């Protein structure tokens, strides 16, 4: 059973970070940073939906920049 638990732990926490050549904490830090930037873009889009003169291009620019970051990895 400990072998199965070890394999399950590896699949859940380590397999994907290893597939992108990162450790768990390195991948976690990147993913959290990415999530915060997405949240910021979503917030700007939300505010723009209510007050159209604000953040007219900010959300789309942020998403384009994040796409470029992902493509370069």
PDB file of N, CA and C in Angstrom:
ATOM      1  N   UNK A   1       0.816  -1.206   0.000  1.00  0.00           N
ATOM      2  CA  UNK A   1       0.000   0.000   0.000  1.00  0.00           C
ATOM      3  C   UNK A   1       0.856   1.265   0.000  1.00  0.00           C
ATOM      4  N   UNK A   2       1.978   1.264   0.671  1.00  0.00           N
ATOM      5  CA  UNK A   2       2.810   2.464   0.699  1.00  0.00           C
ATOM      6  C   UNK A   2       3.336   2.789  -0.694  1.00  0.00           C
ATOM      7  N   UNK A   3       3.548   1.764  -1.509  1.00  0.00           N
ATOM      8  CA  UNK A   3       3.997   1.988  -2.881  1.00  0.00           C
ATOM      9  C   UNK A   3       2.895   2.700  -3.672  1.00  0.00           C
ATOM     10  N   UNK A   4       1.652   2.274  -3.466  1.00  0.00           N
ATOM     11  CA  UNK A   4       0.539   2.922  -4.157  1.00  0.00           C
ATOM     12  C   UNK A   4       0.371   4.366  -3.696  1.00  0.00           C
ATOM     13  N   UNK A   5       0.542   4.608  -2.402  1.00  0.00           N
ATOM     14  CA  UNK A   5       0.428   5.968  -1.875  1.00  0.00           C
ATOM     15  C   UNK A   5       1.529   6.852  -2.454  1.00  0.00           C
ATOM     16  N   UNK A   6       2.728   6.298  -2.541  1.00  0.00           N
ATOM     17  CA  UNK A   6       3.849   7.046  -3.091  1.00  0.00           C
ATOM     18  C   UNK A   6       3.589   7.391  -4.561  1.00  0.00           C
ATOM     19  N   UNK A   7       3.055   6.432  -5.306  1.00  0.00           N
ATOM     20  CA  UNK A   7       2.748   6.664  -6.713  1.00  0.00           C
ATOM     21  C   UNK A   7       1.639   7.706  -6.857  1.00  0.00           C
ATOM     22  N   UNK A   8       0.634   7.621  -6.015  1.00  0.00           N
ATOM     23  CA  UNK A   8      -0.464   8.586  -6.041  1.00  0.00           C
ATOM     24  C   UNK A   8       0.043   9.990  -5.709  1.00  0.00           C
ATOM     25  N   UNK A   9       0.885  10.098  -4.680  1.00  0.00           N
ATOM     26  CA  UNK A   9       1.485  11.381  -4.300  1.00  0.00           C
ATOM     27  C   UNK A   9       2.256  11.961  -5.484  1.00  0.00           C
ATOM     28  N   UNK A  10       3.038  11.123  -6.135  1.00  0.00           N
ATOM     29  CA  UNK A  10       3.829  11.555  -7.281  1.00  0.00           C
ATOM     30  C   UNK A  10       2.920  12.050  -8.409  1.00  0.00           C
ATOM     31  N   UNK A  11       1.853  11.315  -8.685  1.00  0.00           N
ATOM     32  CA  UNK A  11       0.934  11.708  -9.753  1.00  0.00           C
ATOM     33  C   UNK A  11       0.242  13.036  -9.451  1.00  0.00           C
ATOM     34  N   UNK A  12      -0.161  13.219  -8.211  1.00  0.00           N
ATOM     35  CA  UNK A  12      -0.907  14.418  -7.844  1.00  0.00           C
ATOM     36  C   UNK A  12      -0.020  15.660  -7.767  1.00  0.00           C
ATOM     37  N   UNK A  13       1.146  15.532  -7.158  1.00  0.00           N
ATOM     38  CA  UNK A  13       1.952  16.715  -6.848  1.00  0.00           C
ATOM     39  C   UNK A  13       3.211  16.908  -7.684  1.00  0.00           C
ATOM     40  N   UNK A  14       3.761  15.857  -8.251  1.00  0.00           N
ATOM     41  CA  UNK A  14       5.080  15.986  -8.863  1.00  0.00           C
ATOM     42  C   UNK A  14       5.135  15.732 -10.366  1.00  0.00           C
ATOM     43  N   UNK A  15       4.229  14.916 -10.871  1.00  0.00           N
ATOM     44  CA  UNK A  15       4.296  14.511 -12.271  1.00  0.00           C
ATOM     45  C   UNK A  15       4.228  15.705 -13.228  1.00  0.00           C
ATOM     46  N   UNK A  16       3.249  16.561 -13.053  1.00  0.00           N
ATOM     47  CA  UNK A  16       3.120  17.709 -13.963  1.00  0.00           C
ATOM     48  C   UNK A  16       4.290  18.693 -13.833  1.00  0.00           C
ATOM     49  N   UNK A  17       4.661  19.135 -12.628  1.00  0.00           N
ATOM     50  CA  UNK A  17       5.817  20.045 -12.551  1.00  0.00           C
ATOM     51  C   UNK A  17       7.070  19.453 -13.209  1.00  0.00           C
ATOM     52  N   UNK A  18       7.282  18.161 -13.013  1.00  0.00           N
ATOM     53  CA  UNK A  18       8.437  17.506 -13.618  1.00  0.00           C
ATOM     54  C   UNK A  18       8.326  17.534 -15.147  1.00  0.00           C
ATOM     55  N   UNK A  19       7.105  17.416 -15.677  1.00  0.00           N
ATOM     56  CA  UNK A  19       6.921  17.410 -17.130  1.00  0.00           C
ATOM     57  C   UNK A  19       7.265  18.752 -17.773  1.00  0.00           C
ATOM     58  N   UNK A  20       7.239  19.813 -16.991  1.00  0.00           N
ATOM     59  CA  UNK A  20       7.631  21.136 -17.491  1.00  0.00           C
ATOM     60  C   UNK A  20       8.981  21.560 -16.906  1.00  0.00           C
ATOM     61  N   UNK A  21       9.711  20.560 -16.421  1.00  0.00           N
ATOM     62  CA  UNK A  21      11.081  20.742 -15.909  1.00  0.00           C
ATOM     63  C   UNK A  21      11.164  21.729 -14.754  1.00  0.00           C
ATOM     64  N   UNK A  22      10.227  21.585 -13.809  1.00  0.00           N
ATOM     65  CA  UNK A  22      10.225  22.419 -12.607  1.00  0.00           C
ATOM     66  C   UNK A  22      10.013  21.533 -11.386  1.00  0.00           C
ATOM     67  N   UNK A  23      10.422  22.052 -10.245  1.00  0.00           N
ATOM     68  CA  UNK A  23      10.097  21.406  -8.987  1.00  0.00           C
ATOM     69  C   UNK A  23       8.714  21.849  -8.541  1.00  0.00           C
ATOM     70  N   UNK A  24       8.214  21.188  -7.506  1.00  0.00           N
ATOM     71  CA  UNK A  24       6.862  21.497  -7.017  1.00  0.00           C
ATOM     72  C   UNK A  24       6.733  22.966  -6.623  1.00  0.00           C
ATOM     73  N   UNK A  25       7.657  23.467  -5.800  1.00  0.00           N
ATOM     74  CA  UNK A  25       7.535  24.840  -5.301  1.00  0.00           C
ATOM     75  C   UNK A  25       7.773  25.870  -6.400  1.00  0.00           C
ATOM     76  N   UNK A  26       8.681  25.572  -7.304  1.00  0.00           N
ATOM     77  CA  UNK A  26       8.914  26.470  -8.436  1.00  0.00           C
ATOM     78  C   UNK A  26       7.648  26.574  -9.289  1.00  0.00           C
ATOM     79  N   UNK A  27       7.026  25.431  -9.568  1.00  0.00           N
ATOM     80  CA  UNK A  27       5.803  25.423 -10.372  1.00  0.00           C
ATOM     81  C   UNK A  27       4.654  26.115  -9.626  1.00  0.00           C
ATOM     82  N   UNK A  28       4.562  25.865  -8.349  1.00  0.00           N
ATOM     83  CA  UNK A  28       3.519  26.482  -7.535  1.00  0.00           C
ATOM     84  C   UNK A  28       3.656  28.001  -7.542  1.00  0.00           C
ATOM     85  N   UNK A  29       4.872  28.482  -7.381  1.00  0.00           N
ATOM     86  CA  UNK A  29       5.107  29.932  -7.377  1.00  0.00           C
ATOM     87  C   UNK A  29       4.711  30.539  -8.723  1.00  0.00           C
ATOM     88  N   UNK A  30       5.095  29.892  -9.821  1.00  0.00           N
ATOM     89  CA  UNK A  30       4.737  30.403 -11.141  1.00  0.00           C
ATOM     90  C   UNK A  30       3.218  30.412 -11.315  1.00  0.00           C
ATOM     91  N   UNK A  31       2.562  29.315 -10.965  1.00  0.00           N
ATOM     92  CA  UNK A  31       1.114  29.196 -11.149  1.00  0.00           C
ATOM     93  C   UNK A  31       0.366  30.225 -10.303  1.00  0.00           C
ATOM     94  N   UNK A  32       0.813  30.441  -9.069  1.00  0.00           N
ATOM     95  CA  UNK A  32       0.165  31.446  -8.220  1.00  0.00           C
ATOM     96  C   UNK A  32       0.367  32.857  -8.771  1.00  0.00           C
ATOM     97  N   UNK A  33       1.564  33.134  -9.261  1.00  0.00           N
ATOM     98  CA  UNK A  33       1.836  34.435  -9.863  1.00  0.00           C
ATOM     99  C   UNK A  33       0.949  34.647 -11.089  1.00  0.00           C
ATOM    100  N   UNK A  34       0.824  33.614 -11.901  1.00  0.00           N
ATOM    101  CA  UNK A  34      -0.015  33.667 -13.096  1.00  0.00           C
ATOM    102  C   UNK A  34      -1.474  33.902 -12.709  1.00  0.00           C
ATOM    103  N   UNK A  35      -1.929  33.201 -11.680  1.00  0.00           N
ATOM    104  CA  UNK A  35      -3.318  33.334 -11.215  1.00  0.00           C
ATOM    105  C   UNK A  35      -3.598  34.756 -10.737  1.00  0.00           C
ATOM    106  N   UNK A  36      -2.649  35.350 -10.022  1.00  0.00           N
ATOM    107  CA  UNK A  36      -2.844  36.726  -9.544  1.00  0.00           C
ATOM    108  C   UNK A  36      -2.933  37.706 -10.701  1.00  0.00           C
ATOM    109  N   UNK A  37      -2.108  37.495 -11.722  1.00  0.00           N
ATOM    110  CA  UNK A  37      -2.157  38.378 -12.895  1.00  0.00           C
ATOM    111  C   UNK A  37      -3.481  38.204 -13.641  1.00  0.00           C
ATOM    112  N   UNK A  38      -3.959  36.963 -13.744  1.00  0.00           N
ATOM    113  CA  UNK A  38      -5.265  36.724 -14.370  1.00  0.00           C
ATOM    114  C   UNK A  38      -6.382  37.378 -13.569  1.00  0.00           C
ATOM    115  N   UNK A  39      -6.277  37.287 -12.258  1.00  0.00           N
ATOM    116  CA  UNK A  39      -7.274  37.918 -11.392  1.00  0.00           C
ATOM    117  C   UNK A  39      -7.282  39.425 -11.613  1.00  0.00           C
ATOM    118  N   UNK A  40      -6.108  40.015 -11.720  1.00  0.00           N
ATOM    119  CA  UNK A  40      -6.011  41.450 -11.988  1.00  0.00           C
ATOM    120  C   UNK A  40      -6.649  41.812 -13.319  1.00  0.00           C
ATOM    121  N   UNK A  41      -6.391  41.000 -14.349  1.00  0.00           N
ATOM    122  CA  UNK A  41      -6.987  41.239 -15.662  1.00  0.00           C
ATOM    123  C   UNK A  41      -8.508  41.115 -15.580  1.00  0.00           C
ATOM    124  N   UNK A  42      -8.997  40.119 -14.854  1.00  0.00           N
ATOM    125  CA  UNK A  42     -10.440  39.936 -14.696  1.00  0.00           C
ATOM    126  C   UNK A  42     -11.053  41.125 -13.966  1.00  0.00           C
ATOM    127  N   UNK A  43     -10.374  41.616 -12.954  1.00  0.00           N
ATOM    128  CA  UNK A  43     -10.872  42.766 -12.200  1.00  0.00           C
ATOM    129  C   UNK A  43     -10.952  44.007 -13.094  1.00  0.00           C
ATOM    130  N   UNK A  44      -9.914  44.211 -13.909  1.00  0.00           N
ATOM    131  CA  UNK A  44      -9.944  45.354 -14.829  1.00  0.00           C
ATOM    132  C   UNK A  44     -11.082  45.220 -15.834  1.00  0.00           C
ATOM    133  N   UNK A  45     -11.305  44.011 -16.355  1.00  0.00           N
ATOM    134  CA  UNK A  45     -12.399  43.785 -17.305  1.00  0.00           C
ATOM    135  C   UNK A  45     -13.750  44.025 -16.630  1.00  0.00           C
ATOM    136  N   UNK A  46     -13.876  43.609 -15.385  1.00  0.00           N
ATOM    137  CA  UNK A  46     -15.116  43.818 -14.634  1.00  0.00           C
ATOM    138  C   UNK A  46     -15.395  45.308 -14.456  1.00  0.00           C
ATOM    139  N   UNK A  47     -14.362  46.049 -14.053  1.00  0.00           N
ATOM    140  CA  UNK A  47     -14.524  47.493 -13.866  1.00  0.00           C
ATOM    141  C   UNK A  47     -14.843  48.159 -15.196  1.00  0.00           C
ATOM    142  N   UNK A  48     -14.172  47.713 -16.253  1.00  0.00           N
ATOM    143  CA  UNK A  48     -14.432  48.267 -17.596  1.00  0.00           C
ATOM    144  C   UNK A  48     -15.877  48.012 -18.025  1.00  0.00           C
ATOM    145  N   UNK A  49     -16.428  46.872 -17.652  1.00  0.00           N
ATOM    146  CA  UNK A  49     -17.814  46.558 -18.011  1.00  0.00           C
ATOM    147  C   UNK A  49     -18.794  47.537 -17.374  1.00  0.00           C
ATOM    148  N   UNK A  50     -18.433  48.017 -16.204  1.00  0.00           N
ATOM    149  CA  UNK A  50     -19.311  48.952 -15.487  1.00  0.00           C
ATOM    150  C   UNK A  50     -19.035  50.393 -15.894  1.00  0.00           C
ATOM    151  N   UNK A  51     -17.755  50.728 -16.021  1.00  0.00           N
ATOM    152  CA  UNK A  51     -17.340  52.090 -16.372  1.00  0.00           C
ATOM    153  C   UNK A  51     -16.443  51.992 -17.616  1.00  0.00           C
ATOM    154  N   UNK A  52     -17.031  52.031 -18.802  1.00  0.00           N
ATOM    155  CA  UNK A  52     -16.307  51.760 -20.038  1.00  0.00           C
ATOM    156  C   UNK A  52     -15.083  52.638 -20.318  1.00  0.00           C
ATOM    157  N   UNK A  53     -15.027  53.822 -19.747  1.00  0.00           N
ATOM    158  CA  UNK A  53     -13.864  54.678 -20.022  1.00  0.00           C
ATOM    159  C   UNK A  53     -12.613  54.238 -19.251  1.00  0.00           C
ATOM    160  N   UNK A  54     -12.781  53.324 -18.304  1.00  0.00           N
ATOM    161  CA  UNK A  54     -11.633  52.841 -17.525  1.00  0.00           C
ATOM    162  C   UNK A  54     -11.112  51.510 -18.077  1.00  0.00           C
ATOM    163  N   UNK A  55      -9.807  51.333 -18.024  1.00  0.00           N
ATOM    164  CA  UNK A  55      -9.154  50.065 -18.399  1.00  0.00           C
ATOM    165  C   UNK A  55      -9.583  49.588 -19.786  1.00  0.00           C
ATOM    166  N   UNK A  56      -9.545  50.492 -20.754  1.00  0.00           N
ATOM    167  CA  UNK A  56     -10.050  50.169 -22.085  1.00  0.00           C
ATOM    168  C   UNK A  56      -9.275  49.059 -22.787  1.00  0.00           C
ATOM    169  N   UNK A  57      -7.988  48.977 -22.547  1.00  0.00           N
ATOM    170  CA  UNK A  57      -7.180  47.942 -23.202  1.00  0.00           C
ATOM    171  C   UNK A  57      -6.335  47.136 -22.220  1.00  0.00           C
ATOM    172  N   UNK A  58      -6.437  47.446 -20.961  1.00  0.00           N
ATOM    173  CA  UNK A  58      -5.565  46.834 -19.964  1.00  0.00           C
ATOM    174  C   UNK A  58      -5.745  45.326 -19.829  1.00  0.00           C
ATOM    175  N   UNK A  59      -6.988  44.872 -19.776  1.00  0.00           N
ATOM    176  CA  UNK A  59      -7.235  43.441 -19.587  1.00  0.00           C
ATOM    177  C   UNK A  59      -6.727  42.641 -20.779  1.00  0.00           C
ATOM    178  N   UNK A  60      -7.037  43.095 -21.984  1.00  0.00           N
ATOM    179  CA  UNK A  60      -6.589  42.348 -23.166  1.00  0.00           C
ATOM    180  C   UNK A  60      -5.067  42.378 -23.277  1.00  0.00           C
ATOM    181  N   UNK A  61      -4.457  43.493 -22.929  1.00  0.00           N
ATOM    182  CA  UNK A  61      -2.989  43.576 -22.951  1.00  0.00           C
ATOM    183  C   UNK A  61      -2.384  42.607 -21.937  1.00  0.00           C
ATOM    184  N   UNK A  62      -2.966  42.523 -20.748  1.00  0.00           N
ATOM    185  CA  UNK A  62      -2.469  41.604 -19.718  1.00  0.00           C
ATOM    186  C   UNK A  62      -2.590  40.155 -20.179  1.00  0.00           C
ATOM    187  N   UNK A  63      -3.708  39.819 -20.816  1.00  0.00           N
ATOM    188  CA  UNK A  63      -3.900  38.448 -21.302  1.00  0.00           C
ATOM    189  C   UNK A  63      -2.897  38.139 -22.417  1.00  0.00           C
ATOM    190  N   UNK A  64      -2.657  39.089 -23.308  1.00  0.00           N
ATOM    191  CA  UNK A  64      -1.661  38.888 -24.373  1.00  0.00           C
ATOM    192  C   UNK A  64      -0.273  38.666 -23.785  1.00  0.00           C
ATOM    193  N   UNK A  65       0.093  39.444 -22.771  1.00  0.00           N
ATOM    194  CA  UNK A  65       1.394  39.288 -22.127  1.00  0.00           C
ATOM    195  C   UNK A  65       1.504  37.929 -21.442  1.00  0.00           C
ATOM    196  N   UNK A  66       0.442  37.491 -20.786  1.00  0.00           N
ATOM    197  CA  UNK A  66       0.476  36.184 -20.146  1.00  0.00           C
ATOM    198  C   UNK A  66       0.584  35.065 -21.179  1.00  0.00           C
ATOM    199  N   UNK A  67      -0.083  35.229 -22.294  1.00  0.00           N
ATOM    200  CA  UNK A  67       0.020  34.240 -23.380  1.00  0.00           C
ATOM    201  C   UNK A  67       1.457  34.152 -23.876  1.00  0.00           C
ATOM    202  N   UNK A  68       2.099  35.290 -24.042  1.00  0.00           N
ATOM    203  CA  UNK A  68       3.493  35.304 -24.493  1.00  0.00           C
ATOM    204  C   UNK A  68       4.402  34.603 -23.488  1.00  0.00           C
ATOM    205  N   UNK A  69       4.146  34.809 -22.201  1.00  0.00           N
ATOM    206  CA  UNK A  69       4.937  34.139 -21.161  1.00  0.00           C
ATOM    207  C   UNK A  69       4.780  32.623 -21.281  1.00  0.00           C
ATOM    208  N   UNK A  70       3.558  32.165 -21.444  1.00  0.00           N
ATOM    209  CA  UNK A  70       3.320  30.721 -21.570  1.00  0.00           C
ATOM    210  C   UNK A  70       3.969  30.152 -22.828  1.00  0.00           C
ATOM    211  N   UNK A  71       3.867  30.864 -23.925  1.00  0.00           N
ATOM    212  CA  UNK A  71       4.442  30.384 -25.180  1.00  0.00           C
ATOM    213  C   UNK A  71       5.966  30.303 -25.132  1.00  0.00           C
ATOM    214  N   UNK A  72       6.589  31.145 -24.327  1.00  0.00           N
ATOM    215  CA  UNK A  72       8.061  31.158 -24.246  1.00  0.00           C
ATOM    216  C   UNK A  72       8.616  30.121 -23.276  1.00  0.00           C
ATOM    217  N   UNK A  73       7.738  29.424 -22.555  1.00  0.00           N
ATOM    218  CA  UNK A  73       8.192  28.411 -21.592  1.00  0.00           C
ATOM    219  C   UNK A  73       8.388  27.075 -22.261  1.00  0.00           C
TER     220      UNK A  73
END
